[in-house]
Amino acid sequence: MKNPLSQAGLRHYFFTKKEVATFLNFKSTKTIDRLISAGKLKPTRLTDKAIRFYGKDVIAFVKAGGVK
């Protein structure tokens, strides 16, 4: 089965922290914060508070094994 992000052409889409957490089946966005701090997930900072995740970075994270 292929990744639904790549099938829908969403690899060029910017995701919010909440959207990534929902896609990865996390209960909260705190896990996303931990992944950023660990250097496992790369955010794109729009402003000091607003961050987004590029679809291809989320796909690379999933292909690398995600969270174990």
PDB file of N, CA and C in Angstrom:
ATOM      1  N   MET A   1       0.841  -1.177   0.000  1.00  0.00           N
ATOM      2  CA  MET A   1       0.000   0.000   0.000  1.00  0.00           C
ATOM      3  C   MET A   1       0.885   1.238   0.000  1.00  0.00           C
ATOM      4  N   LYS A   2       0.569   2.178  -0.845  1.00  0.00           N
ATOM      5  CA  LYS A   2       1.333   3.409  -0.921  1.00  0.00           C
ATOM      6  C   LYS A   2       0.862   4.391   0.134  1.00  0.00           C
ATOM      7  N   ASN A   3       1.718   5.353   0.398  1.00  0.00           N
ATOM      8  CA  ASN A   3       1.411   6.389   1.372  1.00  0.00           C
ATOM      9  C   ASN A   3       0.279   7.274   0.847  1.00  0.00           C
ATOM     10  N   PRO A   4      -0.751   7.534   1.638  1.00  0.00           N
ATOM     11  CA  PRO A   4      -1.869   8.357   1.160  1.00  0.00           C
ATOM     12  C   PRO A   4      -1.451   9.796   0.846  1.00  0.00           C
ATOM     13  N   LEU A   5      -0.394  10.285   1.483  1.00  0.00           N
ATOM     14  CA  LEU A   5       0.068  11.646   1.185  1.00  0.00           C
ATOM     15  C   LEU A   5       0.600  11.735  -0.235  1.00  0.00           C
ATOM     16  N   SER A   6       1.387  10.748  -0.646  1.00  0.00           N
ATOM     17  CA  SER A   6       1.956  10.799  -1.986  1.00  0.00           C
ATOM     18  C   SER A   6       0.903  10.503  -3.046  1.00  0.00           C
ATOM     19  N   GLN A   7      -0.078   9.672  -2.728  1.00  0.00           N
ATOM     20  CA  GLN A   7      -1.131   9.357  -3.685  1.00  0.00           C
ATOM     21  C   GLN A   7      -1.978  10.582  -3.996  1.00  0.00           C
ATOM     22  N   ALA A   8      -2.248  11.379  -3.003  1.00  0.00           N
ATOM     23  CA  ALA A   8      -3.127  12.525  -3.184  1.00  0.00           C
ATOM     24  C   ALA A   8      -2.365  13.743  -3.689  1.00  0.00           C
ATOM     25  N   GLY A   9      -1.072  13.619  -3.900  1.00  0.00           N
ATOM     26  CA  GLY A   9      -0.283  14.739  -4.358  1.00  0.00           C
ATOM     27  C   GLY A   9      -0.051  15.767  -3.271  1.00  0.00           C
ATOM     28  N   LEU A  10      -0.078  15.323  -2.027  1.00  0.00           N
ATOM     29  CA  LEU A  10       0.055  16.247  -0.910  1.00  0.00           C
ATOM     30  C   LEU A  10       1.497  16.405  -0.453  1.00  0.00           C
ATOM     31  N   ARG A  11       2.450  15.872  -1.217  1.00  0.00           N
ATOM     32  CA  ARG A  11       3.842  16.018  -0.780  1.00  0.00           C
ATOM     33  C   ARG A  11       4.319  17.451  -0.920  1.00  0.00           C
ATOM     34  N   HIS A  12       3.574  18.284  -1.635  1.00  0.00           N
ATOM     35  CA  HIS A  12       3.936  19.687  -1.768  1.00  0.00           C
ATOM     36  C   HIS A  12       3.019  20.586  -0.944  1.00  0.00           C
ATOM     37  N   TYR A  13       2.307  19.996  -0.014  1.00  0.00           N
ATOM     38  CA  TYR A  13       1.353  20.707   0.824  1.00  0.00           C
ATOM     39  C   TYR A  13       1.985  20.992   2.180  1.00  0.00           C
ATOM     40  N   PHE A  14       1.647  22.112   2.794  1.00  0.00           N
ATOM     41  CA  PHE A  14       2.117  22.436   4.135  1.00  0.00           C
ATOM     42  C   PHE A  14       1.074  21.983   5.154  1.00  0.00           C
ATOM     43  N   PHE A  15       1.514  21.202   6.141  1.00  0.00           N
ATOM     44  CA  PHE A  15       0.640  20.705   7.191  1.00  0.00           C
ATOM     45  C   PHE A  15       0.873  21.469   8.482  1.00  0.00           C
ATOM     46  N   THR A  16      -0.180  21.657   9.247  1.00  0.00           N
ATOM     47  CA  THR A  16      -0.042  22.236  10.584  1.00  0.00           C
ATOM     48  C   THR A  16       0.379  21.124  11.539  1.00  0.00           C
ATOM     49  N   LYS A  17       0.752  21.515  12.725  1.00  0.00           N
ATOM     50  CA  LYS A  17       1.167  20.545  13.741  1.00  0.00           C
ATOM     51  C   LYS A  17       0.016  19.599  14.080  1.00  0.00           C
ATOM     52  N   LYS A  18      -1.179  20.144  14.159  1.00  0.00           N
ATOM     53  CA  LYS A  18      -2.357  19.325  14.482  1.00  0.00           C
ATOM     54  C   LYS A  18      -2.663  18.326  13.359  1.00  0.00           C
ATOM     55  N   GLU A  19      -2.516  18.747  12.109  1.00  0.00           N
ATOM     56  CA  GLU A  19      -2.766  17.846  10.979  1.00  0.00           C
ATOM     57  C   GLU A  19      -1.767  16.692  10.956  1.00  0.00           C
ATOM     58  N   VAL A  20      -0.500  16.988  11.258  1.00  0.00           N
ATOM     59  CA  VAL A  20       0.516  15.929  11.295  1.00  0.00           C
ATOM     60  C   VAL A  20       0.225  14.969  12.438  1.00  0.00           C
ATOM     61  N   ALA A  21      -0.151  15.498  13.590  1.00  0.00           N
ATOM     62  CA  ALA A  21      -0.481  14.640  14.733  1.00  0.00           C
ATOM     63  C   ALA A  21      -1.668  13.731  14.406  1.00  0.00           C
ATOM     64  N   THR A  22      -2.662  14.266  13.742  1.00  0.00           N
ATOM     65  CA  THR A  22      -3.827  13.466  13.350  1.00  0.00           C
ATOM     66  C   THR A  22      -3.436  12.393  12.348  1.00  0.00           C
ATOM     67  N   PHE A  23      -2.624  12.764  11.359  1.00  0.00           N
ATOM     68  CA  PHE A  23      -2.196  11.810  10.333  1.00  0.00           C
ATOM     69  C   PHE A  23      -1.382  10.663  10.941  1.00  0.00           C
ATOM     70  N   LEU A  24      -0.534  10.986  11.930  1.00  0.00           N
ATOM     71  CA  LEU A  24       0.308   9.976  12.554  1.00  0.00           C
ATOM     72  C   LEU A  24      -0.367   9.280  13.738  1.00  0.00           C
ATOM     73  N   ASN A  25      -1.645   9.585  13.970  1.00  0.00           N
ATOM     74  CA  ASN A  25      -2.455   8.975  15.036  1.00  0.00           C
ATOM     75  C   ASN A  25      -1.912   9.247  16.435  1.00  0.00           C
ATOM     76  N   PHE A  26      -1.473  10.482  16.673  1.00  0.00           N
ATOM     77  CA  PHE A  26      -1.058  10.899  18.006  1.00  0.00           C
ATOM     78  C   PHE A  26      -2.226  11.602  18.673  1.00  0.00           C
ATOM     79  N   LYS A  27      -2.308  11.487  19.993  1.00  0.00           N
ATOM     80  CA  LYS A  27      -3.419  12.100  20.723  1.00  0.00           C
ATOM     81  C   LYS A  27      -3.252  13.605  20.877  1.00  0.00           C
ATOM     82  N   SER A  28      -2.000  14.071  20.939  1.00  0.00           N
ATOM     83  CA  SER A  28      -1.773  15.506  21.110  1.00  0.00           C
ATOM     84  C   SER A  28      -0.593  15.948  20.248  1.00  0.00           C
ATOM     85  N   THR A  29      -0.390  17.248  20.223  1.00  0.00           N
ATOM     86  CA  THR A  29       0.708  17.797  19.437  1.00  0.00           C
ATOM     87  C   THR A  29       2.015  17.837  20.229  1.00  0.00           C
ATOM     88  N   LYS A  30       1.974  17.456  21.488  1.00  0.00           N
ATOM     89  CA  LYS A  30       3.203  17.440  22.287  1.00  0.00           C
ATOM     90  C   LYS A  30       4.211  16.436  21.743  1.00  0.00           C
ATOM     91  N   THR A  31       3.727  15.340  21.190  1.00  0.00           N
ATOM     92  CA  THR A  31       4.626  14.361  20.593  1.00  0.00           C
ATOM     93  C   THR A  31       5.334  14.962  19.383  1.00  0.00           C
ATOM     94  N   ILE A  32       4.632  15.783  18.632  1.00  0.00           N
ATOM     95  CA  ILE A  32       5.245  16.465  17.483  1.00  0.00           C
ATOM     96  C   ILE A  32       6.349  17.394  17.976  1.00  0.00           C
ATOM     97  N   ASP A  33       6.098  18.102  19.084  1.00  0.00           N
ATOM     98  CA  ASP A  33       7.120  18.967  19.672  1.00  0.00           C
ATOM     99  C   ASP A  33       8.353  18.159  20.079  1.00  0.00           C
ATOM    100  N   ARG A  34       8.126  16.979  20.627  1.00  0.00           N
ATOM    101  CA  ARG A  34       9.244  16.124  21.032  1.00  0.00           C
ATOM    102  C   ARG A  34      10.036  15.630  19.824  1.00  0.00           C
ATOM    103  N   LEU A  35       9.341  15.305  18.749  1.00  0.00           N
ATOM    104  CA  LEU A  35      10.018  14.859  17.531  1.00  0.00           C
ATOM    105  C   LEU A  35      10.859  15.982  16.926  1.00  0.00           C
ATOM    106  N   ILE A  36      10.364  17.203  17.000  1.00  0.00           N
ATOM    107  CA  ILE A  36      11.120  18.358  16.505  1.00  0.00           C
ATOM    108  C   ILE A  36      12.372  18.547  17.357  1.00  0.00           C
ATOM    109  N   SER A  37      12.218  18.463  18.679  1.00  0.00           N
ATOM    110  CA  SER A  37      13.350  18.636  19.588  1.00  0.00           C
ATOM    111  C   SER A  37      14.412  17.562  19.386  1.00  0.00           C
ATOM    112  N   ALA A  38      13.975  16.353  19.062  1.00  0.00           N
ATOM    113  CA  ALA A  38      14.904  15.245  18.836  1.00  0.00           C
ATOM    114  C   ALA A  38      15.538  15.301  17.454  1.00  0.00           C
ATOM    115  N   GLY A  39      15.027  16.172  16.590  1.00  0.00           N
ATOM    116  CA  GLY A  39      15.580  16.300  15.249  1.00  0.00           C
ATOM    117  C   GLY A  39      15.067  15.262  14.265  1.00  0.00           C
ATOM    118  N   LYS A  40      13.991  14.591  14.619  1.00  0.00           N
ATOM    119  CA  LYS A  40      13.445  13.549  13.749  1.00  0.00           C
ATOM    120  C   LYS A  40      12.458  14.086  12.724  1.00  0.00           C
ATOM    121  N   LEU A  41      11.858  15.222  13.011  1.00  0.00           N
ATOM    122  CA  LEU A  41      10.871  15.822  12.123  1.00  0.00           C
ATOM    123  C   LEU A  41      11.265  17.275  11.890  1.00  0.00           C
ATOM    124  N   LYS A  42      11.351  17.645  10.622  1.00  0.00           N
ATOM    125  CA  LYS A  42      11.859  18.970  10.276  1.00  0.00           C
ATOM    126  C   LYS A  42      10.709  19.939   9.998  1.00  0.00           C
ATOM    127  N   PRO A  43      10.585  20.996  10.809  1.00  0.00           N
ATOM    128  CA  PRO A  43       9.534  21.991  10.560  1.00  0.00           C
ATOM    129  C   PRO A  43      10.034  23.125   9.675  1.00  0.00           C
ATOM    130  N   THR A  44       9.108  23.824   9.074  1.00  0.00           N
ATOM    131  CA  THR A  44       9.394  25.058   8.357  1.00  0.00           C
ATOM    132  C   THR A  44       8.773  26.175   9.172  1.00  0.00           C
ATOM    133  N   ARG A  45       9.591  27.099   9.632  1.00  0.00           N
ATOM    134  CA  ARG A  45       9.102  28.176  10.493  1.00  0.00           C
ATOM    135  C   ARG A  45       8.667  29.360   9.647  1.00  0.00           C
ATOM    136  N   LEU A  46       7.373  29.699   9.730  1.00  0.00           N
ATOM    137  CA  LEU A  46       6.841  30.849   9.017  1.00  0.00           C
ATOM    138  C   LEU A  46       7.044  32.119   9.828  1.00  0.00           C
ATOM    139  N   THR A  47       6.792  32.037  11.123  1.00  0.00           N
ATOM    140  CA  THR A  47       7.064  33.121  12.071  1.00  0.00           C
ATOM    141  C   THR A  47       7.620  32.467  13.333  1.00  0.00           C
ATOM    142  N   ASP A  48       7.775  33.246  14.387  1.00  0.00           N
ATOM    143  CA  ASP A  48       8.279  32.669  15.631  1.00  0.00           C
ATOM    144  C   ASP A  48       7.349  31.597  16.192  1.00  0.00           C
ATOM    145  N   LYS A  49       6.062  31.772  16.001  1.00  0.00           N
ATOM    146  CA  LYS A  49       5.090  30.832  16.556  1.00  0.00           C
ATOM    147  C   LYS A  49       4.487  29.893  15.526  1.00  0.00           C
ATOM    148  N   ALA A  50       4.394  30.333  14.278  1.00  0.00           N
ATOM    149  CA  ALA A  50       3.746  29.524  13.251  1.00  0.00           C
ATOM    150  C   ALA A  50       4.754  28.622  12.556  1.00  0.00           C
ATOM    151  N   ILE A  51       4.536  27.316  12.669  1.00  0.00           N
ATOM    152  CA  ILE A  51       5.379  26.365  11.961  1.00  0.00           C
ATOM    153  C   ILE A  51       4.490  25.459  11.124  1.00  0.00           C
ATOM    154  N   ARG A  52       5.056  24.992  10.036  1.00  0.00           N
ATOM    155  CA  ARG A  52       4.359  24.069   9.147  1.00  0.00           C
ATOM    156  C   ARG A  52       5.318  22.949   8.787  1.00  0.00           C
ATOM    157  N   PHE A  53       4.760  21.863   8.300  1.00  0.00           N
ATOM    158  CA  PHE A  53       5.557  20.712   7.904  1.00  0.00           C
ATOM    159  C   PHE A  53       5.292  20.439   6.439  1.00  0.00           C
ATOM    160  N   TYR A  54       6.354  20.375   5.675  1.00  0.00           N
ATOM    161  CA  TYR A  54       6.236  20.108   4.252  1.00  0.00           C
ATOM    162  C   TYR A  54       5.865  18.640   4.071  1.00  0.00           C
ATOM    163  N   GLY A  55       4.959  18.360   3.179  1.00  0.00           N
ATOM    164  CA  GLY A  55       4.467  17.000   2.977  1.00  0.00           C
ATOM    165  C   GLY A  55       5.570  15.995   2.711  1.00  0.00           C
ATOM    166  N   LYS A  56       6.580  16.387   1.919  1.00  0.00           N
ATOM    167  CA  LYS A  56       7.656  15.445   1.606  1.00  0.00           C
ATOM    168  C   LYS A  56       8.486  15.117   2.844  1.00  0.00           C
ATOM    169  N   ASP A  57       8.578  16.049   3.811  1.00  0.00           N
ATOM    170  CA  ASP A  57       9.293  15.767   5.053  1.00  0.00           C
ATOM    171  C   ASP A  57       8.514  14.788   5.925  1.00  0.00           C
ATOM    172  N   VAL A  58       7.188  14.901   5.931  1.00  0.00           N
ATOM    173  CA  VAL A  58       6.354  13.962   6.681  1.00  0.00           C
ATOM    174  C   VAL A  58       6.451  12.573   6.054  1.00  0.00           C
ATOM    175  N   ILE A  59       6.446  12.503   4.728  1.00  0.00           N
ATOM    176  CA  ILE A  59       6.583  11.216   4.033  1.00  0.00           C
ATOM    177  C   ILE A  59       7.936  10.591   4.344  1.00  0.00           C
ATOM    178  N   ALA A  60       8.997  11.400   4.331  1.00  0.00           N
ATOM    179  CA  ALA A  60      10.338  10.878   4.653  1.00  0.00           C
ATOM    180  C   ALA A  60      10.391  10.356   6.085  1.00  0.00           C
ATOM    181  N   PHE A  61       9.721  11.040   6.995  1.00  0.00           N
ATOM    182  CA  PHE A  61       9.673  10.593   8.391  1.00  0.00           C
ATOM    183  C   PHE A  61       8.973   9.246   8.504  1.00  0.00           C
ATOM    184  N   VAL A  62       7.864   9.092   7.811  1.00  0.00           N
ATOM    185  CA  VAL A  62       7.113   7.819   7.848  1.00  0.00           C
ATOM    186  C   VAL A  62       7.940   6.708   7.228  1.00  0.00           C
ATOM    187  N   LYS A  63       8.595   6.978   6.084  1.00  0.00           N
ATOM    188  CA  LYS A  63       9.404   5.952   5.422  1.00  0.00           C
ATOM    189  C   LYS A  63      10.618   5.546   6.244  1.00  0.00           C
ATOM    190  N   ALA A  64      11.142   6.479   7.040  1.00  0.00           N
ATOM    191  CA  ALA A  64      12.301   6.176   7.881  1.00  0.00           C
ATOM    192  C   ALA A  64      11.931   5.323   9.087  1.00  0.00           C
ATOM    193  N   GLY A  65      10.680   5.090   9.294  1.00  0.00           N
ATOM    194  CA  GLY A  65      10.249   4.235  10.391  1.00  0.00           C
ATOM    195  C   GLY A  65       9.356   4.934  11.380  1.00  0.00           C
ATOM    196  N   GLY A  66       9.281   6.258  11.296  1.00  0.00           N
ATOM    197  CA  GLY A  66       8.408   7.000  12.190  1.00  0.00           C
ATOM    198  C   GLY A  66       8.831   6.865  13.634  1.00  0.00           C
ATOM    199  N   VAL A  67       7.881   6.755  14.504  1.00  0.00           N
ATOM    200  CA  VAL A  67       8.139   6.626  15.934  1.00  0.00           C
ATOM    201  C   VAL A  67       8.040   5.159  16.304  1.00  0.00           C
ATOM    202  N   LYS A  68       8.994   4.696  17.074  1.00  0.00           N
ATOM    203  CA  LYS A  68       8.976   3.292  17.480  1.00  0.00           C
ATOM    204  C   LYS A  68       8.762   3.181  18.964  1.00  0.00           C
TER     205      LYS A  68
END
